[in-house]
């Protein structure tokens, strides 16, 4: 009978190494509330192709090294927004960041640091509690509000009217913008950029009749006036939304009482 050695903790020898792969160090902030009093860093030296996405590398670690590693992921195509995390200190979607864009220069060892997004309670490893984020999102009533009798035909909208709020329709609720905001880190009651972006989408929709109601909500002390225009949110958005611009447009709508 042949004895088989049990893999040790963080043993990456079982991770497949396809031709053309390079070894990178994944430094991940781990936290298991059942056994840890505080988060700690763990490192994994794993092979990865330059064309791999960070999500692929995380899946390799979970599948071949440590099945307890926890993180959210779903579509893996930058649509669902579920795999938002800090990658080398910047809020990104793991499914959109390529390994080749993280490789160290001049043959140095590549170290990629992975941590959960800030401002939301960490439940386990890279898995955060999104409920405070969605509570703010629901508070701005992110849906079409129309009063009176139902129309007998579709609500017609010109191309120009549609373009007015086109940018903010791209939000996928990944929380990258909100959790990159220093005001949100320090003040959990701030609505945050994502909620304001989704309010903007309906405030400037010519078919909507709830703009004044939403503006009143955002005129609160923890609404748009808490924004300090640091542009962190715009830089972090994986969809390229001009988040800071949208917030400023909501501010102007409040100041001049017109949409």
C-alpha atoms as a PDB file:
ATOM      1  CA  UNK A   1       0.000   0.000   0.000  1.00  0.00           C
ATOM      2  CA  UNK A   2       1.413   3.362  -0.977  1.00  0.00           C
ATOM      3  CA  UNK A   3       1.255   6.127   1.600  1.00  0.00           C
ATOM      4  CA  UNK A   4       0.035   9.493   0.393  1.00  0.00           C
ATOM      5  CA  UNK A   5       1.254  12.584   2.228  1.00  0.00           C
ATOM      6  CA  UNK A   6      -1.471  14.836   3.516  1.00  0.00           C
ATOM      7  CA  UNK A   7      -1.275  18.355   2.041  1.00  0.00           C
ATOM      8  CA  UNK A   8      -0.131  20.961   4.513  1.00  0.00           C
ATOM      9  CA  UNK A   9      -1.793  24.321   5.100  1.00  0.00           C
ATOM     10  CA  UNK A  10      -1.436  26.587   2.058  1.00  0.00           C
ATOM     11  CA  UNK A  11       0.140  23.727   0.094  1.00  0.00           C
ATOM     12  CA  UNK A  12      -0.216  24.826  -3.517  1.00  0.00           C
ATOM     13  CA  UNK A  13       1.499  21.806  -5.084  1.00  0.00           C
ATOM     14  CA  UNK A  14      -1.844  20.466  -6.349  1.00  0.00           C
ATOM     15  CA  UNK A  15      -2.722  23.615  -8.299  1.00  0.00           C
ATOM     16  CA  UNK A  16      -2.453  22.890 -12.060  1.00  0.00           C
ATOM     17  CA  UNK A  17       0.360  24.799 -13.758  1.00  0.00           C
ATOM     18  CA  UNK A  18      -0.493  25.153 -17.472  1.00  0.00           C
ATOM     19  CA  UNK A  19       2.202  25.913 -20.008  1.00  0.00           C
ATOM     20  CA  UNK A  20       3.118  29.593 -19.984  1.00  0.00           C
ATOM     21  CA  UNK A  21       2.008  30.154 -16.392  1.00  0.00           C
ATOM     22  CA  UNK A  22       3.951  32.211 -13.871  1.00  0.00           C
ATOM     23  CA  UNK A  23       4.020  31.853 -10.107  1.00  0.00           C
ATOM     24  CA  UNK A  24       2.479  34.759  -8.228  1.00  0.00           C
ATOM     25  CA  UNK A  25       1.982  35.321  -4.518  1.00  0.00           C
ATOM     26  CA  UNK A  26      -1.600  35.939  -3.477  1.00  0.00           C
ATOM     27  CA  UNK A  27      -1.619  37.684  -0.092  1.00  0.00           C
ATOM     28  CA  UNK A  28      -5.179  37.458   1.197  1.00  0.00           C
ATOM     29  CA  UNK A  29      -6.692  38.995   4.317  1.00  0.00           C
ATOM     30  CA  UNK A  30      -8.421  36.071   6.037  1.00  0.00           C
ATOM     31  CA  UNK A  31     -10.995  36.190   8.812  1.00  0.00           C
ATOM     32  CA  UNK A  32     -13.117  33.388  10.234  1.00  0.00           C
ATOM     33  CA  UNK A  33     -15.335  34.712  13.044  1.00  0.00           C
ATOM     34  CA  UNK A  34     -15.584  31.215  14.536  1.00  0.00           C
ATOM     35  CA  UNK A  35     -11.857  30.990  15.280  1.00  0.00           C
ATOM     36  CA  UNK A  36     -10.257  34.408  14.683  1.00  0.00           C
ATOM     37  CA  UNK A  37     -10.371  37.416  16.972  1.00  0.00           C
ATOM     38  CA  UNK A  38      -9.163  39.678  14.166  1.00  0.00           C
ATOM     39  CA  UNK A  39      -8.212  39.425  10.467  1.00  0.00           C
ATOM     40  CA  UNK A  40      -4.783  38.118   9.480  1.00  0.00           C
ATOM     41  CA  UNK A  41      -2.813  37.774   6.250  1.00  0.00           C
ATOM     42  CA  UNK A  42      -2.155  34.442   4.541  1.00  0.00           C
ATOM     43  CA  UNK A  43      -0.006  33.969   1.418  1.00  0.00           C
ATOM     44  CA  UNK A  44      -0.327  31.453  -1.410  1.00  0.00           C
ATOM     45  CA  UNK A  45       2.240  30.946  -4.186  1.00  0.00           C
ATOM     46  CA  UNK A  46       0.158  29.776  -7.127  1.00  0.00           C
ATOM     47  CA  UNK A  47       0.689  29.385 -10.893  1.00  0.00           C
ATOM     48  CA  UNK A  48      -1.397  31.630 -13.119  1.00  0.00           C
ATOM     49  CA  UNK A  49      -1.541  32.508 -16.778  1.00  0.00           C
ATOM     50  CA  UNK A  50      -1.101  36.192 -17.680  1.00  0.00           C
ATOM     51  CA  UNK A  51      -4.544  36.026 -19.300  1.00  0.00           C
ATOM     52  CA  UNK A  52      -6.175  34.706 -16.118  1.00  0.00           C
ATOM     53  CA  UNK A  53      -8.370  36.988 -14.119  1.00  0.00           C
ATOM     54  CA  UNK A  54      -7.883  37.445 -10.394  1.00  0.00           C
ATOM     55  CA  UNK A  55     -11.141  35.564  -9.867  1.00  0.00           C
ATOM     56  CA  UNK A  56      -9.636  32.533 -11.670  1.00  0.00           C
ATOM     57  CA  UNK A  57      -6.672  32.563  -9.285  1.00  0.00           C
ATOM     58  CA  UNK A  58      -8.933  32.818  -6.236  1.00  0.00           C
ATOM     59  CA  UNK A  59     -10.976  29.893  -7.535  1.00  0.00           C
ATOM     60  CA  UNK A  60      -7.776  27.848  -7.957  1.00  0.00           C
ATOM     61  CA  UNK A  61      -6.878  28.505  -4.323  1.00  0.00           C
ATOM     62  CA  UNK A  62     -10.373  27.585  -3.176  1.00  0.00           C
ATOM     63  CA  UNK A  63     -10.567  24.447  -5.347  1.00  0.00           C
ATOM     64  CA  UNK A  64      -7.064  23.052  -4.800  1.00  0.00           C
ATOM     65  CA  UNK A  65      -5.631  24.593  -1.625  1.00  0.00           C
ATOM     66  CA  UNK A  66      -8.191  25.790   0.896  1.00  0.00           C
ATOM     67  CA  UNK A  67     -11.896  25.218   0.375  1.00  0.00           C
ATOM     68  CA  UNK A  68     -12.738  27.460   3.330  1.00  0.00           C
ATOM     69  CA  UNK A  69     -11.683  30.619   1.448  1.00  0.00           C
ATOM     70  CA  UNK A  70     -14.844  32.717   1.161  1.00  0.00           C
ATOM     71  CA  UNK A  71     -15.760  35.344  -1.422  1.00  0.00           C
ATOM     72  CA  UNK A  72     -18.730  36.241  -3.580  1.00  0.00           C
ATOM     73  CA  UNK A  73     -18.814  35.563  -7.317  1.00  0.00           C
ATOM     74  CA  UNK A  74     -21.485  34.774  -9.860  1.00  0.00           C
ATOM     75  CA  UNK A  75     -21.409  35.683 -13.550  1.00  0.00           C
ATOM     76  CA  UNK A  76     -17.618  36.241 -13.796  1.00  0.00           C
ATOM     77  CA  UNK A  77     -18.185  38.730 -16.618  1.00  0.00           C
ATOM     78  CA  UNK A  78     -18.408  42.084 -14.836  1.00  0.00           C
ATOM     79  CA  UNK A  79     -22.209  42.177 -14.946  1.00  0.00           C
ATOM     80  CA  UNK A  80     -23.427  40.959 -11.549  1.00  0.00           C
ATOM     81  CA  UNK A  81     -20.983  43.040  -9.496  1.00  0.00           C
ATOM     82  CA  UNK A  82     -20.767  40.444  -6.736  1.00  0.00           C
ATOM     83  CA  UNK A  83     -16.972  39.959  -6.619  1.00  0.00           C
ATOM     84  CA  UNK A  84     -15.967  43.476  -5.566  1.00  0.00           C
ATOM     85  CA  UNK A  85     -12.847  43.501  -3.376  1.00  0.00           C
ATOM     86  CA  UNK A  86      -9.664  45.467  -2.767  1.00  0.00           C
ATOM     87  CA  UNK A  87      -6.974  44.369  -5.199  1.00  0.00           C
ATOM     88  CA  UNK A  88      -3.627  45.957  -4.392  1.00  0.00           C
ATOM     89  CA  UNK A  89      -5.490  48.527  -2.321  1.00  0.00           C
ATOM     90  CA  UNK A  90      -7.940  49.537  -5.050  1.00  0.00           C
ATOM     91  CA  UNK A  91     -11.606  48.567  -5.270  1.00  0.00           C
ATOM     92  CA  UNK A  92     -12.021  46.363  -8.334  1.00  0.00           C
ATOM     93  CA  UNK A  93     -14.077  43.475  -9.650  1.00  0.00           C
ATOM     94  CA  UNK A  94     -11.937  40.336  -9.443  1.00  0.00           C
ATOM     95  CA  UNK A  95     -13.439  39.061 -12.691  1.00  0.00           C
ATOM     96  CA  UNK A  96     -12.247  42.117 -14.627  1.00  0.00           C
ATOM     97  CA  UNK A  97      -8.633  42.383 -13.446  1.00  0.00           C
ATOM     98  CA  UNK A  98      -6.116  40.436 -15.533  1.00  0.00           C
ATOM     99  CA  UNK A  99      -3.010  38.881 -13.997  1.00  0.00           C
ATOM    100  CA  UNK A 100      -0.842  40.407 -16.747  1.00  0.00           C
ATOM    101  CA  UNK A 101      -1.784  43.888 -15.525  1.00  0.00           C
ATOM    102  CA  UNK A 102      -0.498  43.050 -12.027  1.00  0.00           C
ATOM    103  CA  UNK A 103       2.809  41.382 -12.908  1.00  0.00           C
ATOM    104  CA  UNK A 104       5.908  42.929 -11.364  1.00  0.00           C
ATOM    105  CA  UNK A 105       8.526  44.333 -13.715  1.00  0.00           C
ATOM    106  CA  UNK A 106      12.091  43.146 -14.289  1.00  0.00           C
ATOM    107  CA  UNK A 107      11.424  39.574 -13.214  1.00  0.00           C
ATOM    108  CA  UNK A 108      10.581  40.443  -9.617  1.00  0.00           C
ATOM    109  CA  UNK A 109       8.144  38.272  -7.672  1.00  0.00           C
ATOM    110  CA  UNK A 110       4.567  39.404  -8.173  1.00  0.00           C
ATOM    111  CA  UNK A 111       2.631  39.903  -4.951  1.00  0.00           C
ATOM    112  CA  UNK A 112      -1.101  40.602  -5.203  1.00  0.00           C
ATOM    113  CA  UNK A 113      -2.852  41.738  -2.030  1.00  0.00           C
ATOM    114  CA  UNK A 114      -6.529  40.943  -1.686  1.00  0.00           C
ATOM    115  CA  UNK A 115      -8.795  42.339   1.046  1.00  0.00           C
ATOM    116  CA  UNK A 116     -12.532  42.912   1.511  1.00  0.00           C
ATOM    117  CA  UNK A 117     -14.016  46.271   0.552  1.00  0.00           C
ATOM    118  CA  UNK A 118     -14.074  48.849   3.344  1.00  0.00           C
ATOM    119  CA  UNK A 119     -16.968  50.397   5.212  1.00  0.00           C
ATOM    120  CA  UNK A 120     -19.070  47.224   5.427  1.00  0.00           C
ATOM    121  CA  UNK A 121     -18.814  44.569   8.183  1.00  0.00           C
ATOM    122  CA  UNK A 122     -16.652  41.594   7.219  1.00  0.00           C
ATOM    123  CA  UNK A 123     -18.555  38.346   7.714  1.00  0.00           C
ATOM    124  CA  UNK A 124     -15.806  35.971   6.577  1.00  0.00           C
ATOM    125  CA  UNK A 125     -12.624  36.513   4.530  1.00  0.00           C
ATOM    126  CA  UNK A 126     -13.627  38.649   1.499  1.00  0.00           C
ATOM    127  CA  UNK A 127     -17.325  38.257   2.211  1.00  0.00           C
ATOM    128  CA  UNK A 128     -18.946  41.438   3.605  1.00  0.00           C
ATOM    129  CA  UNK A 129     -22.426  42.225   4.892  1.00  0.00           C
ATOM    130  CA  UNK A 130     -24.107  44.177   2.067  1.00  0.00           C
ATOM    131  CA  UNK A 131     -27.299  44.956   3.994  1.00  0.00           C
ATOM    132  CA  UNK A 132     -26.278  48.532   5.053  1.00  0.00           C
ATOM    133  CA  UNK A 133     -25.455  49.238   1.405  1.00  0.00           C
ATOM    134  CA  UNK A 134     -28.805  47.966   0.147  1.00  0.00           C
ATOM    135  CA  UNK A 135     -30.669  49.719   2.955  1.00  0.00           C
ATOM    136  CA  UNK A 136     -29.372  53.051   1.627  1.00  0.00           C
ATOM    137  CA  UNK A 137     -30.190  51.966  -1.926  1.00  0.00           C
ATOM    138  CA  UNK A 138     -33.807  51.169  -1.025  1.00  0.00           C
ATOM    139  CA  UNK A 139     -34.160  54.423   0.911  1.00  0.00           C
ATOM    140  CA  UNK A 140     -33.870  56.566  -2.258  1.00  0.00           C
ATOM    141  CA  UNK A 141     -36.785  54.700  -3.908  1.00  0.00           C
ATOM    142  CA  UNK A 142     -34.896  53.482  -6.990  1.00  0.00           C
ATOM    143  CA  UNK A 143     -37.914  52.726  -9.156  1.00  0.00           C
ATOM    144  CA  UNK A 144     -40.231  54.583 -11.511  1.00  0.00           C
ATOM    145  CA  UNK A 145     -42.874  56.571  -9.646  1.00  0.00           C
ATOM    146  CA  UNK A 146     -45.905  57.693 -11.640  1.00  0.00           C
ATOM    147  CA  UNK A 147     -49.249  58.906 -10.359  1.00  0.00           C
ATOM    148  CA  UNK A 148     -52.732  59.192 -11.807  1.00  0.00           C
ATOM    149  CA  UNK A 149     -54.390  56.792 -14.205  1.00  0.00           C
ATOM    150  CA  UNK A 150     -52.413  54.173 -16.038  1.00  0.00           C
ATOM    151  CA  UNK A 151     -51.590  55.364 -19.566  1.00  0.00           C
ATOM    152  CA  UNK A 152     -53.304  53.684 -22.482  1.00  0.00           C
ATOM    153  CA  UNK A 153     -50.048  53.562 -24.401  1.00  0.00           C
ATOM    154  CA  UNK A 154     -46.356  53.320 -23.568  1.00  0.00           C
ATOM    155  CA  UNK A 155     -44.696  56.326 -21.958  1.00  0.00           C
ATOM    156  CA  UNK A 156     -42.909  58.004 -24.847  1.00  0.00           C
ATOM    157  CA  UNK A 157     -39.437  59.395 -24.244  1.00  0.00           C
ATOM    158  CA  UNK A 158     -37.186  61.253 -26.669  1.00  0.00           C
ATOM    159  CA  UNK A 159     -33.639  60.125 -27.359  1.00  0.00           C
ATOM    160  CA  UNK A 160     -32.326  63.304 -25.730  1.00  0.00           C
ATOM    161  CA  UNK A 161     -34.396  62.659 -22.594  1.00  0.00           C
ATOM    162  CA  UNK A 162     -33.067  59.114 -22.420  1.00  0.00           C
ATOM    163  CA  UNK A 163     -29.462  60.249 -22.815  1.00  0.00           C
ATOM    164  CA  UNK A 164     -29.934  62.645 -19.881  1.00  0.00           C
ATOM    165  CA  UNK A 165     -29.605  59.791 -17.380  1.00  0.00           C
ATOM    166  CA  UNK A 166     -27.981  57.117 -19.544  1.00  0.00           C
ATOM    167  CA  UNK A 167     -24.712  57.069 -17.580  1.00  0.00           C
ATOM    168  CA  UNK A 168     -26.315  56.216 -14.252  1.00  0.00           C
ATOM    169  CA  UNK A 169     -28.301  53.299 -15.702  1.00  0.00           C
ATOM    170  CA  UNK A 170     -25.005  51.371 -15.880  1.00  0.00           C
ATOM    171  CA  UNK A 171     -24.745  50.806 -12.115  1.00  0.00           C
ATOM    172  CA  UNK A 172     -24.490  47.113 -11.151  1.00  0.00           C
ATOM    173  CA  UNK A 173     -24.621  47.687  -7.373  1.00  0.00           C
ATOM    174  CA  UNK A 174     -21.146  46.268  -6.764  1.00  0.00           C
ATOM    175  CA  UNK A 175     -20.488  48.824  -3.967  1.00  0.00           C
ATOM    176  CA  UNK A 176     -17.025  49.656  -5.330  1.00  0.00           C
ATOM    177  CA  UNK A 177     -17.824  53.371  -5.369  1.00  0.00           C
ATOM    178  CA  UNK A 178     -19.518  53.512  -1.973  1.00  0.00           C
ATOM    179  CA  UNK A 179     -16.845  51.492  -0.177  1.00  0.00           C
ATOM    180  CA  UNK A 180     -14.086  53.646  -1.698  1.00  0.00           C
ATOM    181  CA  UNK A 181     -15.580  56.800  -0.158  1.00  0.00           C
ATOM    182  CA  UNK A 182     -13.735  58.028   2.972  1.00  0.00           C
ATOM    183  CA  UNK A 183     -16.905  59.718   4.232  1.00  0.00           C
ATOM    184  CA  UNK A 184     -18.717  56.381   4.086  1.00  0.00           C
ATOM    185  CA  UNK A 185     -15.876  54.643   5.973  1.00  0.00           C
ATOM    186  CA  UNK A 186     -16.189  57.101   8.837  1.00  0.00           C
ATOM    187  CA  UNK A 187     -19.919  57.746   8.787  1.00  0.00           C
ATOM    188  CA  UNK A 188     -22.095  54.692   8.361  1.00  0.00           C
ATOM    189  CA  UNK A 189     -25.249  56.800   8.043  1.00  0.00           C
ATOM    190  CA  UNK A 190     -24.138  58.501   4.794  1.00  0.00           C
ATOM    191  CA  UNK A 191     -26.233  57.318   1.846  1.00  0.00           C
ATOM    192  CA  UNK A 192     -23.098  56.782  -0.223  1.00  0.00           C
ATOM    193  CA  UNK A 193     -22.368  57.298  -3.927  1.00  0.00           C
ATOM    194  CA  UNK A 194     -24.213  54.226  -5.270  1.00  0.00           C
ATOM    195  CA  UNK A 195     -27.517  55.218  -3.661  1.00  0.00           C
ATOM    196  CA  UNK A 196     -27.205  58.759  -5.045  1.00  0.00           C
ATOM    197  CA  UNK A 197     -26.328  57.413  -8.506  1.00  0.00           C
ATOM    198  CA  UNK A 198     -29.472  55.280  -8.499  1.00  0.00           C
ATOM    199  CA  UNK A 199     -31.566  58.206  -7.301  1.00  0.00           C
ATOM    200  CA  UNK A 200     -30.076  60.304 -10.132  1.00  0.00           C
ATOM    201  CA  UNK A 201     -31.180  57.685 -12.653  1.00  0.00           C
ATOM    202  CA  UNK A 202     -34.842  58.378 -11.782  1.00  0.00           C
ATOM    203  CA  UNK A 203     -34.636  62.037 -10.748  1.00  0.00           C
ATOM    204  CA  UNK A 204     -33.668  62.937 -14.301  1.00  0.00           C
ATOM    205  CA  UNK A 205     -36.006  60.462 -16.008  1.00  0.00           C
ATOM    206  CA  UNK A 206     -38.681  62.493 -17.845  1.00  0.00           C
ATOM    207  CA  UNK A 207     -41.264  59.733 -17.232  1.00  0.00           C
ATOM    208  CA  UNK A 208     -40.829  59.798 -13.455  1.00  0.00           C
ATOM    209  CA  UNK A 209     -42.962  61.909 -11.098  1.00  0.00           C
ATOM    210  CA  UNK A 210     -41.149  61.244  -7.839  1.00  0.00           C
ATOM    211  CA  UNK A 211     -38.161  63.542  -8.300  1.00  0.00           C
ATOM    212  CA  UNK A 212     -39.147  66.013  -5.595  1.00  0.00           C
ATOM    213  CA  UNK A 213     -39.655  63.212  -3.116  1.00  0.00           C
ATOM    214  CA  UNK A 214     -36.199  61.775  -3.809  1.00  0.00           C
ATOM    215  CA  UNK A 215     -34.579  65.192  -3.683  1.00  0.00           C
ATOM    216  CA  UNK A 216     -36.126  65.761  -0.259  1.00  0.00           C
ATOM    217  CA  UNK A 217     -34.655  62.446   0.902  1.00  0.00           C
ATOM    218  CA  UNK A 218     -31.188  63.359  -0.406  1.00  0.00           C
ATOM    219  CA  UNK A 219     -31.391  66.854   1.072  1.00  0.00           C
ATOM    220  CA  UNK A 220     -30.949  65.233   4.474  1.00  0.00           C
ATOM    221  CA  UNK A 221     -27.791  65.882   6.499  1.00  0.00           C
ATOM    222  CA  UNK A 222     -26.534  62.436   5.470  1.00  0.00           C
ATOM    223  CA  UNK A 223     -27.460  62.900   1.816  1.00  0.00           C
ATOM    224  CA  UNK A 224     -25.599  64.541  -1.056  1.00  0.00           C
ATOM    225  CA  UNK A 225     -24.142  67.329   1.115  1.00  0.00           C
ATOM    226  CA  UNK A 226     -21.866  64.832   2.852  1.00  0.00           C
ATOM    227  CA  UNK A 227     -19.947  64.316  -0.409  1.00  0.00           C
ATOM    228  CA  UNK A 228     -16.480  65.905  -0.293  1.00  0.00           C
ATOM    229  CA  UNK A 229     -15.747  65.455  -4.030  1.00  0.00           C
ATOM    230  CA  UNK A 230     -12.637  63.311  -3.646  1.00  0.00           C
ATOM    231  CA  UNK A 231     -13.368  61.435  -6.918  1.00  0.00           C
ATOM    232  CA  UNK A 232     -12.557  58.098  -5.232  1.00  0.00           C
ATOM    233  CA  UNK A 233     -15.961  56.826  -6.310  1.00  0.00           C
ATOM    234  CA  UNK A 234     -15.456  57.725  -9.970  1.00  0.00           C
ATOM    235  CA  UNK A 235     -12.008  56.147 -10.016  1.00  0.00           C
ATOM    236  CA  UNK A 236     -13.319  52.928  -8.436  1.00  0.00           C
ATOM    237  CA  UNK A 237     -16.363  52.388 -10.667  1.00  0.00           C
ATOM    238  CA  UNK A 238     -15.757  49.329 -12.889  1.00  0.00           C
ATOM    239  CA  UNK A 239     -18.457  50.524 -15.288  1.00  0.00           C
ATOM    240  CA  UNK A 240     -16.896  53.920 -15.908  1.00  0.00           C
ATOM    241  CA  UNK A 241     -19.829  55.890 -14.483  1.00  0.00           C
ATOM    242  CA  UNK A 242     -19.088  59.547 -13.776  1.00  0.00           C
ATOM    243  CA  UNK A 243     -20.236  59.145 -10.178  1.00  0.00           C
ATOM    244  CA  UNK A 244     -18.948  62.482  -8.862  1.00  0.00           C
ATOM    245  CA  UNK A 245     -20.605  64.305 -11.765  1.00  0.00           C
ATOM    246  CA  UNK A 246     -23.935  62.618 -10.991  1.00  0.00           C
ATOM    247  CA  UNK A 247     -23.706  63.662  -7.336  1.00  0.00           C
ATOM    248  CA  UNK A 248     -22.977  67.262  -8.335  1.00  0.00           C
ATOM    249  CA  UNK A 249     -25.967  67.274 -10.685  1.00  0.00           C
ATOM    250  CA  UNK A 250     -28.219  66.173  -7.833  1.00  0.00           C
ATOM    251  CA  UNK A 251     -26.770  68.961  -5.687  1.00  0.00           C
ATOM    252  CA  UNK A 252     -27.515  71.521  -8.407  1.00  0.00           C
ATOM    253  CA  UNK A 253     -31.057  70.201  -8.757  1.00  0.00           C
ATOM    254  CA  UNK A 254     -31.521  70.831  -5.039  1.00  0.00           C
ATOM    255  CA  UNK A 255     -29.958  74.291  -5.141  1.00  0.00           C
ATOM    256  CA  UNK A 256     -31.939  75.532  -8.115  1.00  0.00           C
ATOM    257  CA  UNK A 257     -35.066  73.472  -7.521  1.00  0.00           C
ATOM    258  CA  UNK A 258     -35.233  72.324 -11.061  1.00  0.00           C
ATOM    259  CA  UNK A 259     -34.504  69.071 -12.862  1.00  0.00           C
END
